[in-house]
C-alpha atoms as a PDB file:
ATOM      1  CA  UNK A   1      -4.742  -4.403 -27.637  1.00  0.00           C
ATOM      2  CA  UNK A   2      -2.970  -1.542 -26.074  1.00  0.00           C
ATOM      3  CA  UNK A   3      -2.850  -0.452 -22.514  1.00  0.00           C
ATOM      4  CA  UNK A   4      -0.740   2.248 -21.263  1.00  0.00           C
ATOM      5  CA  UNK A   5       1.447   0.900 -18.305  1.00  0.00           C
ATOM      6  CA  UNK A   6       2.876   3.805 -16.241  1.00  0.00           C
ATOM      7  CA  UNK A   7       2.815   6.063 -18.945  1.00  0.00           C
ATOM      8  CA  UNK A   8       4.133   3.608 -21.805  1.00  0.00           C
ATOM      9  CA  UNK A   9       1.985   2.127 -24.563  1.00  0.00           C
ATOM     10  CA  UNK A  10       2.390  -1.763 -24.615  1.00  0.00           C
ATOM     11  CA  UNK A  11       0.416  -4.389 -26.527  1.00  0.00           C
ATOM     12  CA  UNK A  12      -1.130  -7.496 -24.789  1.00  0.00           C
ATOM     13  CA  UNK A  13      -3.398 -10.093 -25.844  1.00  0.00           C
ATOM     14  CA  UNK A  14      -7.500  -9.795 -25.599  1.00  0.00           C
ATOM     15  CA  UNK A  15      -8.922 -10.752 -22.062  1.00  0.00           C
ATOM     16  CA  UNK A  16      -5.619 -10.011 -19.880  1.00  0.00           C
ATOM     17  CA  UNK A  17      -5.993  -9.530 -16.161  1.00  0.00           C
ATOM     18  CA  UNK A  18      -3.734  -7.320 -14.314  1.00  0.00           C
ATOM     19  CA  UNK A  19      -2.425 -10.728 -12.805  1.00  0.00           C
ATOM     20  CA  UNK A  20      -1.652 -12.058 -16.098  1.00  0.00           C
ATOM     21  CA  UNK A  21      -0.102  -8.554 -17.191  1.00  0.00           C
ATOM     22  CA  UNK A  22       2.387  -8.826 -14.108  1.00  0.00           C
ATOM     23  CA  UNK A  23       3.463 -12.418 -15.111  1.00  0.00           C
ATOM     24  CA  UNK A  24       4.053 -11.308 -18.622  1.00  0.00           C
ATOM     25  CA  UNK A  25       6.209  -8.266 -17.593  1.00  0.00           C
ATOM     26  CA  UNK A  26       7.826 -10.566 -14.885  1.00  0.00           C
ATOM     27  CA  UNK A  27       6.627  -8.055 -12.134  1.00  0.00           C
ATOM     28  CA  UNK A  28       5.272 -10.595  -9.810  1.00  0.00           C
ATOM     29  CA  UNK A  29       5.886  -9.893  -6.135  1.00  0.00           C
ATOM     30  CA  UNK A  30       7.112  -6.363  -7.104  1.00  0.00           C
ATOM     31  CA  UNK A  31       4.186  -4.173  -7.200  1.00  0.00           C
ATOM     32  CA  UNK A  32       2.066  -3.420  -4.318  1.00  0.00           C
ATOM     33  CA  UNK A  33      -0.512  -1.341  -5.774  1.00  0.00           C
ATOM     34  CA  UNK A  34      -2.474  -1.006  -9.037  1.00  0.00           C
ATOM     35  CA  UNK A  35      -4.554   1.528 -10.363  1.00  0.00           C
ATOM     36  CA  UNK A  36      -6.793   1.395 -13.798  1.00  0.00           C
ATOM     37  CA  UNK A  37      -7.893   4.718 -15.161  1.00  0.00           C
ATOM     38  CA  UNK A  38      -7.151   6.328 -11.857  1.00  0.00           C
ATOM     39  CA  UNK A  39      -9.493   3.849  -9.685  1.00  0.00           C
ATOM     40  CA  UNK A  40      -7.576   1.674  -7.242  1.00  0.00           C
ATOM     41  CA  UNK A  41      -7.959  -2.172  -7.972  1.00  0.00           C
ATOM     42  CA  UNK A  42      -7.415  -4.208  -4.831  1.00  0.00           C
ATOM     43  CA  UNK A  43      -4.835  -6.629  -4.820  1.00  0.00           C
ATOM     44  CA  UNK A  44      -7.171  -9.637  -4.134  1.00  0.00           C
ATOM     45  CA  UNK A  45      -9.251  -8.995  -7.416  1.00  0.00           C
ATOM     46  CA  UNK A  46      -5.904  -8.652  -9.765  1.00  0.00           C
ATOM     47  CA  UNK A  47      -6.660 -12.062 -11.022  1.00  0.00           C
ATOM     48  CA  UNK A  48     -10.284 -11.285 -11.813  1.00  0.00           C
ATOM     49  CA  UNK A  49     -10.016  -7.706 -13.170  1.00  0.00           C
ATOM     50  CA  UNK A  50      -9.834  -7.582 -16.935  1.00  0.00           C
ATOM     51  CA  UNK A  51      -8.068  -5.068 -18.789  1.00  0.00           C
ATOM     52  CA  UNK A  52      -9.731  -3.298 -21.917  1.00  0.00           C
ATOM     53  CA  UNK A  53      -8.146  -1.632 -24.806  1.00  0.00           C
ATOM     54  CA  UNK A  54      -6.962   1.812 -24.075  1.00  0.00           C
ATOM     55  CA  UNK A  55      -6.831   1.168 -20.319  1.00  0.00           C
ATOM     56  CA  UNK A  56      -4.220   3.292 -18.198  1.00  0.00           C
ATOM     57  CA  UNK A  57      -2.452   1.014 -15.665  1.00  0.00           C
ATOM     58  CA  UNK A  58      -0.417   2.641 -12.873  1.00  0.00           C
ATOM     59  CA  UNK A  59       1.756  -0.257 -10.840  1.00  0.00           C
ATOM     60  CA  UNK A  60       3.205   1.348  -7.712  1.00  0.00           C
ATOM     61  CA  UNK A  61       5.710  -0.193  -5.593  1.00  0.00           C
ATOM     62  CA  UNK A  62       6.341   1.427  -1.860  1.00  0.00           C
ATOM     63  CA  UNK A  63       9.986   2.128  -1.002  1.00  0.00           C
ATOM     64  CA  UNK A  64      11.124   3.160   2.250  1.00  0.00           C
ATOM     65  CA  UNK A  65      13.771   5.684   2.663  1.00  0.00           C
ATOM     66  CA  UNK A  66      15.027   8.789   4.641  1.00  0.00           C
END
């Protein structure tokens, strides 16, 4: 199934969760927020939130600066 992650189309197995996707992309602990199709998904729901073919996933990390 194809999922667009931060603007790039990627292919994943069926029934993948946000948490699984982060493991596959080696982004565990690096992502602070996730939105699926422009809807924020709370971090404590990432293990249960199943992605669907064609979903648009935005992964965000907050960076401080000045």
